[in-house]
């Protein structure tokens, strides 16, 4: 797969990691065959999605790290198609839920129903591998909060009974960055449950031209499998890859570097809220997954820097007076990355 920086939403040029073929690989950390399956996913997804390789890299990292993803982008930039194609390339179940103001928690989690003289539990759409929560900020906080237990503990509790969710399980939520009427901003507690916030940008002119060519040739964006997307990995290989990612080494000075970065966000005058310890742990997991995808057996400061923006941008709050002047979380984070010395 193209090793593109997942902080870049578009398919255009971005900083790259060393090619996996030339990177050191040890059998004890996944091996080349297992990693090759995940590199092949980009080729399969590319059969229907043009560009967005940086976002795809972020989704793969989140899967390997066991995290969830918040996609931010305007309608029509292939967010839904990207998730469906990813699920098809991994032979995973995917369910899409359109979040609306009248959506109730039971519509997502499920509920007890009386059927043929007895009560039984009717599973909600959350019982899947990849849950696409479309326009999650259009539903009230009560329904948003219904996902908290599922995202954190991989289970759903109803009527005093905890029901385990399928393995793997990942929530991919979307939100529109420009349409705020009738929306309910996600509270910090829910934002903190997402491993990444990825920005899905417009395609480049050449990519958009290729999109039109494919539609002209009859591409059905609602049927990735019919468009030729094949499974090149499975839930079993994903589980093996997660074990390999957990075995990626991290030196003490790199751990100290992560701590220095997150503590710098708490002291930055541009932020009214810094990164929590959960955010520091998320950055570590993301860096290990990115290192494994890049063919490394250990984490370097480069992996930490590459993962900093998508992992931290939604865990900080820019002071209102600076936000009015156009200052973004990414800009402040870039400044901190330049200031905090790397080992």
C-alpha atoms as a PDB file:
ATOM      1  CA  UNK A   1       0.000   0.000   0.000  1.00  0.00           C
ATOM      2  CA  UNK A   2       1.115   3.589  -0.436  1.00  0.00           C
ATOM      3  CA  UNK A   3       2.650   4.725   2.813  1.00  0.00           C
ATOM      4  CA  UNK A   4       0.991   8.135   2.909  1.00  0.00           C
ATOM      5  CA  UNK A   5       0.741  10.407   5.892  1.00  0.00           C
ATOM      6  CA  UNK A   6      -2.781   9.910   7.312  1.00  0.00           C
ATOM      7  CA  UNK A   7      -2.838  13.532   8.440  1.00  0.00           C
ATOM      8  CA  UNK A   8      -3.415  14.394   4.792  1.00  0.00           C
ATOM      9  CA  UNK A   9      -6.983  13.832   3.726  1.00  0.00           C
ATOM     10  CA  UNK A  10      -6.592  14.259   0.002  1.00  0.00           C
ATOM     11  CA  UNK A  11      -4.903  11.900  -2.384  1.00  0.00           C
ATOM     12  CA  UNK A  12      -2.270  14.449  -3.381  1.00  0.00           C
ATOM     13  CA  UNK A  13       1.402  14.477  -2.426  1.00  0.00           C
ATOM     14  CA  UNK A  14       2.213  13.875   1.218  1.00  0.00           C
ATOM     15  CA  UNK A  15       5.222  12.947   3.330  1.00  0.00           C
ATOM     16  CA  UNK A  16       5.988   9.257   2.867  1.00  0.00           C
ATOM     17  CA  UNK A  17       7.490   6.528   4.975  1.00  0.00           C
ATOM     18  CA  UNK A  18      10.241   4.277   3.639  1.00  0.00           C
ATOM     19  CA  UNK A  19       8.994   1.592   1.254  1.00  0.00           C
ATOM     20  CA  UNK A  20       8.167  -1.636   3.095  1.00  0.00           C
ATOM     21  CA  UNK A  21      10.312  -3.709   0.728  1.00  0.00           C
ATOM     22  CA  UNK A  22      13.485  -1.999   1.919  1.00  0.00           C
ATOM     23  CA  UNK A  23      12.531  -1.798   5.591  1.00  0.00           C
ATOM     24  CA  UNK A  24      13.879  -4.304   8.114  1.00  0.00           C
ATOM     25  CA  UNK A  25      11.442  -7.104   8.878  1.00  0.00           C
ATOM     26  CA  UNK A  26      11.758  -9.705  11.586  1.00  0.00           C
ATOM     27  CA  UNK A  27       9.650 -12.885  11.648  1.00  0.00           C
ATOM     28  CA  UNK A  28       8.688 -12.236  15.268  1.00  0.00           C
ATOM     29  CA  UNK A  29       6.881  -9.018  14.370  1.00  0.00           C
ATOM     30  CA  UNK A  30       4.312 -10.178  11.859  1.00  0.00           C
ATOM     31  CA  UNK A  31       6.528 -11.131   8.944  1.00  0.00           C
ATOM     32  CA  UNK A  32       6.362  -9.847   5.373  1.00  0.00           C
ATOM     33  CA  UNK A  33       3.468 -12.080   4.247  1.00  0.00           C
ATOM     34  CA  UNK A  34       1.048 -10.766   6.869  1.00  0.00           C
ATOM     35  CA  UNK A  35       2.056  -7.175   6.244  1.00  0.00           C
ATOM     36  CA  UNK A  36       1.714  -7.686   2.486  1.00  0.00           C
ATOM     37  CA  UNK A  37      -1.961  -8.517   2.947  1.00  0.00           C
ATOM     38  CA  UNK A  38      -2.557  -5.086   4.469  1.00  0.00           C
ATOM     39  CA  UNK A  39      -0.486  -3.360   1.814  1.00  0.00           C
ATOM     40  CA  UNK A  40      -2.722  -5.041  -0.774  1.00  0.00           C
ATOM     41  CA  UNK A  41      -5.835  -3.467   0.711  1.00  0.00           C
ATOM     42  CA  UNK A  42      -5.053  -0.121  -0.913  1.00  0.00           C
ATOM     43  CA  UNK A  43      -5.036  -1.764  -4.343  1.00  0.00           C
ATOM     44  CA  UNK A  44      -8.448  -3.293  -3.735  1.00  0.00           C
ATOM     45  CA  UNK A  45      -9.975  -0.127  -2.304  1.00  0.00           C
ATOM     46  CA  UNK A  46      -8.409   1.820  -5.175  1.00  0.00           C
ATOM     47  CA  UNK A  47     -10.617  -0.092  -7.607  1.00  0.00           C
ATOM     48  CA  UNK A  48     -13.554   2.051  -6.495  1.00  0.00           C
ATOM     49  CA  UNK A  49     -12.094   4.948  -4.473  1.00  0.00           C
ATOM     50  CA  UNK A  50      -9.819   7.422  -6.237  1.00  0.00           C
ATOM     51  CA  UNK A  51      -7.215   9.042  -3.992  1.00  0.00           C
ATOM     52  CA  UNK A  52      -7.825   9.320  -0.218  1.00  0.00           C
ATOM     53  CA  UNK A  53      -4.861   7.003   0.423  1.00  0.00           C
ATOM     54  CA  UNK A  54      -3.926   9.034   3.492  1.00  0.00           C
ATOM     55  CA  UNK A  55      -7.377   8.494   4.999  1.00  0.00           C
ATOM     56  CA  UNK A  56      -7.201   4.790   4.152  1.00  0.00           C
ATOM     57  CA  UNK A  57      -3.839   4.539   5.936  1.00  0.00           C
ATOM     58  CA  UNK A  58      -5.448   6.117   8.993  1.00  0.00           C
ATOM     59  CA  UNK A  59      -8.350   3.657   8.919  1.00  0.00           C
ATOM     60  CA  UNK A  60      -5.933   0.722   8.709  1.00  0.00           C
ATOM     61  CA  UNK A  61      -3.874   2.095  11.595  1.00  0.00           C
ATOM     62  CA  UNK A  62      -7.039   2.427  13.670  1.00  0.00           C
ATOM     63  CA  UNK A  63      -8.023  -1.164  12.920  1.00  0.00           C
ATOM     64  CA  UNK A  64      -4.570  -2.417  13.914  1.00  0.00           C
ATOM     65  CA  UNK A  65      -4.578  -0.290  17.082  1.00  0.00           C
ATOM     66  CA  UNK A  66      -8.134  -1.286  18.019  1.00  0.00           C
ATOM     67  CA  UNK A  67      -9.436   2.287  17.825  1.00  0.00           C
ATOM     68  CA  UNK A  68     -12.292   4.253  16.269  1.00  0.00           C
ATOM     69  CA  UNK A  69     -12.207   7.011  13.652  1.00  0.00           C
ATOM     70  CA  UNK A  70     -14.035  10.300  13.173  1.00  0.00           C
ATOM     71  CA  UNK A  71     -14.095  11.360   9.504  1.00  0.00           C
ATOM     72  CA  UNK A  72     -14.694  15.030   8.806  1.00  0.00           C
ATOM     73  CA  UNK A  73     -15.537  16.087   5.295  1.00  0.00           C
ATOM     74  CA  UNK A  74     -18.232  17.618   3.129  1.00  0.00           C
ATOM     75  CA  UNK A  75     -20.841  15.308   1.571  1.00  0.00           C
ATOM     76  CA  UNK A  76     -19.862  13.455  -1.580  1.00  0.00           C
ATOM     77  CA  UNK A  77     -16.140  12.812  -0.983  1.00  0.00           C
ATOM     78  CA  UNK A  78     -16.498   8.990  -0.782  1.00  0.00           C
ATOM     79  CA  UNK A  79     -16.506   8.557   3.005  1.00  0.00           C
ATOM     80  CA  UNK A  80     -19.191   5.850   2.932  1.00  0.00           C
ATOM     81  CA  UNK A  81     -17.704   4.138  -0.114  1.00  0.00           C
ATOM     82  CA  UNK A  82     -14.290   4.088   1.544  1.00  0.00           C
ATOM     83  CA  UNK A  83     -15.606   2.264   4.622  1.00  0.00           C
ATOM     84  CA  UNK A  84     -17.648  -0.221   2.568  1.00  0.00           C
ATOM     85  CA  UNK A  85     -14.653  -0.982   0.348  1.00  0.00           C
ATOM     86  CA  UNK A  86     -12.381  -1.439   3.349  1.00  0.00           C
ATOM     87  CA  UNK A  87     -14.852  -3.909   4.866  1.00  0.00           C
ATOM     88  CA  UNK A  88     -15.060  -5.834   1.591  1.00  0.00           C
ATOM     89  CA  UNK A  89     -11.263  -6.078   1.316  1.00  0.00           C
ATOM     90  CA  UNK A  90     -11.136  -7.607   4.814  1.00  0.00           C
ATOM     91  CA  UNK A  91     -14.283  -9.760   4.479  1.00  0.00           C
ATOM     92  CA  UNK A  92     -15.884  -7.922   7.404  1.00  0.00           C
ATOM     93  CA  UNK A  93     -19.504  -6.996   8.019  1.00  0.00           C
ATOM     94  CA  UNK A  94     -20.298  -3.306   7.678  1.00  0.00           C
ATOM     95  CA  UNK A  95     -23.484  -1.502   8.729  1.00  0.00           C
ATOM     96  CA  UNK A  96     -24.413   2.095   8.002  1.00  0.00           C
ATOM     97  CA  UNK A  97     -26.699   4.077  10.328  1.00  0.00           C
ATOM     98  CA  UNK A  98     -27.961   7.511   9.293  1.00  0.00           C
ATOM     99  CA  UNK A  99     -28.005   9.578  12.484  1.00  0.00           C
ATOM    100  CA  UNK A 100     -31.032  11.864  12.708  1.00  0.00           C
ATOM    101  CA  UNK A 101     -32.582  14.058  15.450  1.00  0.00           C
ATOM    102  CA  UNK A 102     -35.252  11.433  16.208  1.00  0.00           C
ATOM    103  CA  UNK A 103     -32.873   8.459  16.449  1.00  0.00           C
ATOM    104  CA  UNK A 104     -33.193   6.672  19.800  1.00  0.00           C
ATOM    105  CA  UNK A 105     -30.487   4.666  21.658  1.00  0.00           C
ATOM    106  CA  UNK A 106     -32.489   1.466  21.141  1.00  0.00           C
ATOM    107  CA  UNK A 107     -32.380   2.076  17.389  1.00  0.00           C
ATOM    108  CA  UNK A 108     -28.615   1.542  17.591  1.00  0.00           C
ATOM    109  CA  UNK A 109     -28.111  -0.871  20.460  1.00  0.00           C
ATOM    110  CA  UNK A 110     -31.206  -3.049  20.132  1.00  0.00           C
ATOM    111  CA  UNK A 111     -34.029  -3.802  22.568  1.00  0.00           C
ATOM    112  CA  UNK A 112     -36.110  -6.500  24.195  1.00  0.00           C
ATOM    113  CA  UNK A 113     -39.203  -7.452  22.192  1.00  0.00           C
ATOM    114  CA  UNK A 114     -42.111  -9.790  22.945  1.00  0.00           C
ATOM    115  CA  UNK A 115     -42.232 -12.467  20.293  1.00  0.00           C
ATOM    116  CA  UNK A 116     -44.320 -15.660  20.275  1.00  0.00           C
ATOM    117  CA  UNK A 117     -45.032 -15.640  23.969  1.00  0.00           C
ATOM    118  CA  UNK A 118     -41.549 -14.764  25.205  1.00  0.00           C
ATOM    119  CA  UNK A 119     -39.151 -11.859  25.443  1.00  0.00           C
ATOM    120  CA  UNK A 120     -36.028 -11.915  23.334  1.00  0.00           C
ATOM    121  CA  UNK A 121     -33.340  -9.401  22.482  1.00  0.00           C
ATOM    122  CA  UNK A 122     -33.358  -7.924  19.000  1.00  0.00           C
ATOM    123  CA  UNK A 123     -29.829  -6.921  18.103  1.00  0.00           C
ATOM    124  CA  UNK A 124     -29.291  -3.397  16.854  1.00  0.00           C
ATOM    125  CA  UNK A 125     -26.998  -2.340  13.984  1.00  0.00           C
ATOM    126  CA  UNK A 126     -24.112  -1.854  16.450  1.00  0.00           C
ATOM    127  CA  UNK A 127     -23.604  -5.636  16.356  1.00  0.00           C
ATOM    128  CA  UNK A 128     -21.300  -5.549  13.344  1.00  0.00           C
ATOM    129  CA  UNK A 129     -17.589  -5.271  12.539  1.00  0.00           C
ATOM    130  CA  UNK A 130     -17.533  -1.790  11.006  1.00  0.00           C
ATOM    131  CA  UNK A 131     -20.284   0.587  12.104  1.00  0.00           C
ATOM    132  CA  UNK A 132     -20.558   3.662   9.899  1.00  0.00           C
ATOM    133  CA  UNK A 133     -22.254   6.330  12.027  1.00  0.00           C
ATOM    134  CA  UNK A 134     -23.165   8.792   9.299  1.00  0.00           C
ATOM    135  CA  UNK A 135     -23.496  12.432  10.411  1.00  0.00           C
ATOM    136  CA  UNK A 136     -23.168  11.475  14.067  1.00  0.00           C
ATOM    137  CA  UNK A 137     -23.518  15.103  15.168  1.00  0.00           C
ATOM    138  CA  UNK A 138     -27.112  15.233  13.877  1.00  0.00           C
ATOM    139  CA  UNK A 139     -28.455  13.117  16.731  1.00  0.00           C
ATOM    140  CA  UNK A 140     -29.006  14.333  20.334  1.00  0.00           C
ATOM    141  CA  UNK A 141     -26.416  13.731  23.071  1.00  0.00           C
ATOM    142  CA  UNK A 142     -28.470  10.910  24.632  1.00  0.00           C
ATOM    143  CA  UNK A 143     -28.157   8.840  21.466  1.00  0.00           C
ATOM    144  CA  UNK A 144     -24.528   9.826  20.940  1.00  0.00           C
ATOM    145  CA  UNK A 145     -23.785   8.631  24.474  1.00  0.00           C
ATOM    146  CA  UNK A 146     -25.327   5.246  23.688  1.00  0.00           C
ATOM    147  CA  UNK A 147     -22.180   4.465  21.717  1.00  0.00           C
ATOM    148  CA  UNK A 148     -19.783   5.234  24.582  1.00  0.00           C
ATOM    149  CA  UNK A 149     -19.898   1.808  26.220  1.00  0.00           C
ATOM    150  CA  UNK A 150     -19.737   0.061  22.861  1.00  0.00           C
ATOM    151  CA  UNK A 151     -16.692   2.074  21.794  1.00  0.00           C
ATOM    152  CA  UNK A 152     -14.826   1.750  25.086  1.00  0.00           C
ATOM    153  CA  UNK A 153     -15.719  -1.738  26.310  1.00  0.00           C
ATOM    154  CA  UNK A 154     -16.843  -3.512  23.118  1.00  0.00           C
ATOM    155  CA  UNK A 155     -20.130  -4.511  24.702  1.00  0.00           C
ATOM    156  CA  UNK A 156     -23.720  -3.346  25.039  1.00  0.00           C
ATOM    157  CA  UNK A 157     -25.579  -3.451  28.360  1.00  0.00           C
ATOM    158  CA  UNK A 158     -29.365  -3.624  28.240  1.00  0.00           C
ATOM    159  CA  UNK A 159     -31.783  -4.782  30.950  1.00  0.00           C
ATOM    160  CA  UNK A 160     -28.828  -5.606  33.200  1.00  0.00           C
ATOM    161  CA  UNK A 161     -27.232  -7.961  30.666  1.00  0.00           C
ATOM    162  CA  UNK A 162     -23.881  -7.240  28.974  1.00  0.00           C
ATOM    163  CA  UNK A 163     -23.720  -8.497  25.394  1.00  0.00           C
ATOM    164  CA  UNK A 164     -20.338  -8.688  23.683  1.00  0.00           C
ATOM    165  CA  UNK A 165     -19.897  -7.091  20.271  1.00  0.00           C
ATOM    166  CA  UNK A 166     -18.319  -8.930  17.343  1.00  0.00           C
ATOM    167  CA  UNK A 167     -14.527  -9.003  16.991  1.00  0.00           C
ATOM    168  CA  UNK A 168     -13.192  -6.864  15.429  1.00  0.00           C
ATOM    169  CA  UNK A 169     -15.410  -3.871  16.105  1.00  0.00           C
ATOM    170  CA  UNK A 170     -14.755  -0.313  14.955  1.00  0.00           C
ATOM    171  CA  UNK A 171     -16.926   2.787  14.767  1.00  0.00           C
ATOM    172  CA  UNK A 172     -16.288   5.104  11.837  1.00  0.00           C
ATOM    173  CA  UNK A 173     -18.319   8.267  12.386  1.00  0.00           C
ATOM    174  CA  UNK A 174     -18.707  11.120   9.925  1.00  0.00           C
ATOM    175  CA  UNK A 175     -19.577  14.752  10.366  1.00  0.00           C
ATOM    176  CA  UNK A 176     -19.947  17.731   8.052  1.00  0.00           C
ATOM    177  CA  UNK A 177     -17.520  20.559   8.981  1.00  0.00           C
ATOM    178  CA  UNK A 178     -19.569  23.367   7.426  1.00  0.00           C
ATOM    179  CA  UNK A 179     -23.208  22.583   8.253  1.00  0.00           C
ATOM    180  CA  UNK A 180     -23.966  23.361  11.911  1.00  0.00           C
ATOM    181  CA  UNK A 181     -27.721  24.044  11.764  1.00  0.00           C
ATOM    182  CA  UNK A 182     -29.642  21.330  13.577  1.00  0.00           C
ATOM    183  CA  UNK A 183     -26.513  19.604  14.872  1.00  0.00           C
ATOM    184  CA  UNK A 184     -25.320  18.614  18.331  1.00  0.00           C
ATOM    185  CA  UNK A 185     -21.536  19.008  18.719  1.00  0.00           C
ATOM    186  CA  UNK A 186     -19.871  15.901  20.133  1.00  0.00           C
ATOM    187  CA  UNK A 187     -18.886  16.383  23.790  1.00  0.00           C
ATOM    188  CA  UNK A 188     -15.224  16.068  24.746  1.00  0.00           C
ATOM    189  CA  UNK A 189     -15.878  12.743  26.506  1.00  0.00           C
ATOM    190  CA  UNK A 190     -17.076  11.214  23.244  1.00  0.00           C
ATOM    191  CA  UNK A 191     -14.409  12.831  21.078  1.00  0.00           C
ATOM    192  CA  UNK A 192     -11.776  11.351  23.374  1.00  0.00           C
ATOM    193  CA  UNK A 193     -13.035   7.841  22.490  1.00  0.00           C
ATOM    194  CA  UNK A 194     -11.977   8.274  18.876  1.00  0.00           C
ATOM    195  CA  UNK A 195      -8.410   7.255  18.147  1.00  0.00           C
ATOM    196  CA  UNK A 196      -8.212   9.511  15.073  1.00  0.00           C
ATOM    197  CA  UNK A 197      -9.935  12.476  13.562  1.00  0.00           C
ATOM    198  CA  UNK A 198      -9.201  12.321   9.835  1.00  0.00           C
ATOM    199  CA  UNK A 199      -9.971  15.103   7.373  1.00  0.00           C
ATOM    200  CA  UNK A 200     -11.403  13.902   4.057  1.00  0.00           C
ATOM    201  CA  UNK A 201     -10.592  16.593   1.514  1.00  0.00           C
ATOM    202  CA  UNK A 202     -11.643  17.175  -2.085  1.00  0.00           C
ATOM    203  CA  UNK A 203      -9.771  15.116  -4.710  1.00  0.00           C
ATOM    204  CA  UNK A 204      -7.200  16.713  -6.983  1.00  0.00           C
ATOM    205  CA  UNK A 205      -8.284  17.733 -10.525  1.00  0.00           C
ATOM    206  CA  UNK A 206      -6.742  14.586 -12.041  1.00  0.00           C
ATOM    207  CA  UNK A 207      -8.397  12.387  -9.420  1.00  0.00           C
ATOM    208  CA  UNK A 208     -11.766  14.028  -9.952  1.00  0.00           C
ATOM    209  CA  UNK A 209     -11.436  13.450 -13.685  1.00  0.00           C
ATOM    210  CA  UNK A 210     -10.759   9.761 -13.011  1.00  0.00           C
ATOM    211  CA  UNK A 211     -13.867   9.647 -10.786  1.00  0.00           C
ATOM    212  CA  UNK A 212     -15.969  10.845 -13.716  1.00  0.00           C
ATOM    213  CA  UNK A 213     -14.346   8.308 -16.046  1.00  0.00           C
ATOM    214  CA  UNK A 214     -15.279   5.480 -13.694  1.00  0.00           C
ATOM    215  CA  UNK A 215     -18.861   6.680 -13.345  1.00  0.00           C
ATOM    216  CA  UNK A 216     -19.048   6.962 -17.128  1.00  0.00           C
ATOM    217  CA  UNK A 217     -17.915   3.327 -17.391  1.00  0.00           C
ATOM    218  CA  UNK A 218     -20.774   2.274 -15.104  1.00  0.00           C
ATOM    219  CA  UNK A 219     -19.243   2.196 -11.604  1.00  0.00           C
ATOM    220  CA  UNK A 220     -21.861   1.490  -8.943  1.00  0.00           C
ATOM    221  CA  UNK A 221     -20.574   3.201  -5.748  1.00  0.00           C
ATOM    222  CA  UNK A 222     -23.101   1.231  -3.694  1.00  0.00           C
ATOM    223  CA  UNK A 223     -21.607  -2.148  -4.635  1.00  0.00           C
ATOM    224  CA  UNK A 224     -17.824  -2.341  -4.034  1.00  0.00           C
ATOM    225  CA  UNK A 225     -17.791  -6.126  -4.441  1.00  0.00           C
ATOM    226  CA  UNK A 226     -19.590  -5.861  -7.773  1.00  0.00           C
ATOM    227  CA  UNK A 227     -16.974  -3.285  -8.792  1.00  0.00           C
ATOM    228  CA  UNK A 228     -14.235  -5.872  -8.261  1.00  0.00           C
ATOM    229  CA  UNK A 229     -13.073  -5.338  -4.667  1.00  0.00           C
ATOM    230  CA  UNK A 230     -11.778  -8.672  -3.378  1.00  0.00           C
ATOM    231  CA  UNK A 231     -10.885  -9.787   0.133  1.00  0.00           C
ATOM    232  CA  UNK A 232      -7.102  -9.837   0.564  1.00  0.00           C
ATOM    233  CA  UNK A 233      -7.163 -10.195   4.370  1.00  0.00           C
ATOM    234  CA  UNK A 234      -9.537 -11.594   6.972  1.00  0.00           C
ATOM    235  CA  UNK A 235     -10.556 -11.080  10.578  1.00  0.00           C
ATOM    236  CA  UNK A 236      -8.073 -13.806  11.506  1.00  0.00           C
ATOM    237  CA  UNK A 237      -5.167 -12.075   9.797  1.00  0.00           C
ATOM    238  CA  UNK A 238      -6.242  -8.794  11.407  1.00  0.00           C
ATOM    239  CA  UNK A 239      -6.086 -10.482  14.822  1.00  0.00           C
ATOM    240  CA  UNK A 240      -2.595 -11.794  14.021  1.00  0.00           C
ATOM    241  CA  UNK A 241      -1.521  -8.333  12.858  1.00  0.00           C
ATOM    242  CA  UNK A 242      -2.755  -6.804  16.121  1.00  0.00           C
ATOM    243  CA  UNK A 243      -0.539  -9.233  18.024  1.00  0.00           C
ATOM    244  CA  UNK A 244       2.371  -8.217  15.805  1.00  0.00           C
ATOM    245  CA  UNK A 245       1.676  -4.519  16.434  1.00  0.00           C
ATOM    246  CA  UNK A 246       1.597  -5.131  20.187  1.00  0.00           C
ATOM    247  CA  UNK A 247       5.087  -6.627  19.872  1.00  0.00           C
ATOM    248  CA  UNK A 248       6.602  -3.539  18.243  1.00  0.00           C
ATOM    249  CA  UNK A 249       9.350  -2.184  20.499  1.00  0.00           C
ATOM    250  CA  UNK A 250       9.379   1.269  22.086  1.00  0.00           C
ATOM    251  CA  UNK A 251      12.453   2.709  23.776  1.00  0.00           C
ATOM    252  CA  UNK A 252      12.150   4.631  27.033  1.00  0.00           C
ATOM    253  CA  UNK A 253      13.250   7.886  25.394  1.00  0.00           C
ATOM    254  CA  UNK A 254      10.435   7.601  22.818  1.00  0.00           C
ATOM    255  CA  UNK A 255       7.925   7.098  25.629  1.00  0.00           C
ATOM    256  CA  UNK A 256       9.362  10.214  27.252  1.00  0.00           C
ATOM    257  CA  UNK A 257       8.964  12.082  23.960  1.00  0.00           C
ATOM    258  CA  UNK A 258       5.242  11.222  23.856  1.00  0.00           C
ATOM    259  CA  UNK A 259       4.828  12.421  27.439  1.00  0.00           C
ATOM    260  CA  UNK A 260       6.628  15.674  26.622  1.00  0.00           C
ATOM    261  CA  UNK A 261       4.360  16.291  23.639  1.00  0.00           C
ATOM    262  CA  UNK A 262       1.079  15.763  25.486  1.00  0.00           C
ATOM    263  CA  UNK A 263       2.233  17.791  28.469  1.00  0.00           C
ATOM    264  CA  UNK A 264       3.183  20.598  26.099  1.00  0.00           C
ATOM    265  CA  UNK A 265      -0.439  20.730  24.893  1.00  0.00           C
ATOM    266  CA  UNK A 266      -1.595  21.287  28.490  1.00  0.00           C
ATOM    267  CA  UNK A 267       0.841  24.171  28.928  1.00  0.00           C
ATOM    268  CA  UNK A 268       0.311  25.782  25.510  1.00  0.00           C
ATOM    269  CA  UNK A 269      -1.322  29.217  25.897  1.00  0.00           C
ATOM    270  CA  UNK A 270      -3.211  28.668  22.631  1.00  0.00           C
ATOM    271  CA  UNK A 271      -5.156  25.729  24.088  1.00  0.00           C
ATOM    272  CA  UNK A 272      -7.856  25.937  26.756  1.00  0.00           C
ATOM    273  CA  UNK A 273      -7.839  22.129  26.991  1.00  0.00           C
ATOM    274  CA  UNK A 274      -4.834  19.856  26.551  1.00  0.00           C
ATOM    275  CA  UNK A 275      -4.453  16.141  25.872  1.00  0.00           C
ATOM    276  CA  UNK A 276      -5.450  13.633  28.566  1.00  0.00           C
ATOM    277  CA  UNK A 277      -3.435  10.532  29.572  1.00  0.00           C
ATOM    278  CA  UNK A 278      -5.850   8.521  27.408  1.00  0.00           C
ATOM    279  CA  UNK A 279      -4.660  10.625  24.485  1.00  0.00           C
ATOM    280  CA  UNK A 280      -1.035   9.820  25.296  1.00  0.00           C
ATOM    281  CA  UNK A 281      -1.826   6.091  25.296  1.00  0.00           C
ATOM    282  CA  UNK A 282      -3.675   6.511  21.995  1.00  0.00           C
ATOM    283  CA  UNK A 283      -0.649   8.205  20.429  1.00  0.00           C
ATOM    284  CA  UNK A 284       1.551   5.309  21.533  1.00  0.00           C
ATOM    285  CA  UNK A 285      -0.809   2.716  20.016  1.00  0.00           C
ATOM    286  CA  UNK A 286      -1.074   4.682  16.776  1.00  0.00           C
ATOM    287  CA  UNK A 287       2.696   5.061  16.475  1.00  0.00           C
ATOM    288  CA  UNK A 288       3.192   1.309  16.974  1.00  0.00           C
ATOM    289  CA  UNK A 289       0.636   0.496  14.284  1.00  0.00           C
ATOM    290  CA  UNK A 290       2.202   2.981  11.847  1.00  0.00           C
ATOM    291  CA  UNK A 291       5.670   1.588  12.549  1.00  0.00           C
ATOM    292  CA  UNK A 292       4.464  -1.957  11.818  1.00  0.00           C
ATOM    293  CA  UNK A 293       2.801  -0.891   8.573  1.00  0.00           C
ATOM    294  CA  UNK A 294       6.060   0.822   7.604  1.00  0.00           C
ATOM    295  CA  UNK A 295       8.018  -2.396   8.132  1.00  0.00           C
ATOM    296  CA  UNK A 296       9.717  -1.421  11.383  1.00  0.00           C
ATOM    297  CA  UNK A 297      10.151  -3.527  14.503  1.00  0.00           C
ATOM    298  CA  UNK A 298      10.413  -0.462  16.744  1.00  0.00           C
ATOM    299  CA  UNK A 299       8.925   3.016  17.065  1.00  0.00           C
ATOM    300  CA  UNK A 300      10.978   6.084  16.165  1.00  0.00           C
ATOM    301  CA  UNK A 301      10.131   9.745  16.800  1.00  0.00           C
ATOM    302  CA  UNK A 302       9.098   9.953  13.125  1.00  0.00           C
ATOM    303  CA  UNK A 303       6.146   7.632  13.743  1.00  0.00           C
ATOM    304  CA  UNK A 304       5.113   9.695  16.766  1.00  0.00           C
ATOM    305  CA  UNK A 305       5.250  12.897  14.708  1.00  0.00           C
ATOM    306  CA  UNK A 306       3.281  11.336  11.836  1.00  0.00           C
ATOM    307  CA  UNK A 307       0.503  10.254  14.190  1.00  0.00           C
ATOM    308  CA  UNK A 308       0.390  13.389  16.358  1.00  0.00           C
ATOM    309  CA  UNK A 309      -2.092  15.471  14.374  1.00  0.00           C
ATOM    310  CA  UNK A 310      -4.749  12.809  13.640  1.00  0.00           C
ATOM    311  CA  UNK A 311      -4.496  11.472  17.211  1.00  0.00           C
ATOM    312  CA  UNK A 312      -4.474  14.768  19.096  1.00  0.00           C
ATOM    313  CA  UNK A 313      -6.336  17.370  17.004  1.00  0.00           C
ATOM    314  CA  UNK A 314      -9.760  16.438  18.433  1.00  0.00           C
ATOM    315  CA  UNK A 315      -8.517  16.154  22.032  1.00  0.00           C
ATOM    316  CA  UNK A 316      -7.526  19.825  22.348  1.00  0.00           C
ATOM    317  CA  UNK A 317      -9.555  23.032  22.318  1.00  0.00           C
ATOM    318  CA  UNK A 318      -8.206  26.216  20.749  1.00  0.00           C
ATOM    319  CA  UNK A 319      -8.997  29.342  22.741  1.00  0.00           C
ATOM    320  CA  UNK A 320     -12.078  31.086  21.276  1.00  0.00           C
ATOM    321  CA  UNK A 321     -10.314  34.385  20.587  1.00  0.00           C
ATOM    322  CA  UNK A 322      -7.666  32.568  18.538  1.00  0.00           C
ATOM    323  CA  UNK A 323     -10.201  30.382  16.756  1.00  0.00           C
ATOM    324  CA  UNK A 324     -11.999  33.533  15.599  1.00  0.00           C
ATOM    325  CA  UNK A 325      -8.716  34.658  14.035  1.00  0.00           C
ATOM    326  CA  UNK A 326      -8.481  31.399  12.107  1.00  0.00           C
ATOM    327  CA  UNK A 327      -5.961  29.551  14.292  1.00  0.00           C
ATOM    328  CA  UNK A 328      -6.475  25.773  14.040  1.00  0.00           C
ATOM    329  CA  UNK A 329      -5.496  22.913  16.324  1.00  0.00           C
ATOM    330  CA  UNK A 330      -3.225  21.523  13.602  1.00  0.00           C
ATOM    331  CA  UNK A 331      -1.284  24.787  13.423  1.00  0.00           C
ATOM    332  CA  UNK A 332      -0.681  24.839  17.162  1.00  0.00           C
ATOM    333  CA  UNK A 333       0.279  21.155  17.183  1.00  0.00           C
ATOM    334  CA  UNK A 334       2.754  21.758  14.353  1.00  0.00           C
ATOM    335  CA  UNK A 335       4.349  24.480  16.447  1.00  0.00           C
ATOM    336  CA  UNK A 336       4.643  22.181  19.446  1.00  0.00           C
ATOM    337  CA  UNK A 337       6.167  19.421  17.313  1.00  0.00           C
ATOM    338  CA  UNK A 338       8.793  21.923  16.183  1.00  0.00           C
ATOM    339  CA  UNK A 339       9.485  23.077  19.749  1.00  0.00           C
ATOM    340  CA  UNK A 340       9.568  19.801  21.701  1.00  0.00           C
ATOM    341  CA  UNK A 341      12.996  18.211  21.162  1.00  0.00           C
ATOM    342  CA  UNK A 342      12.902  14.691  19.734  1.00  0.00           C
ATOM    343  CA  UNK A 343      15.301  12.044  21.099  1.00  0.00           C
END
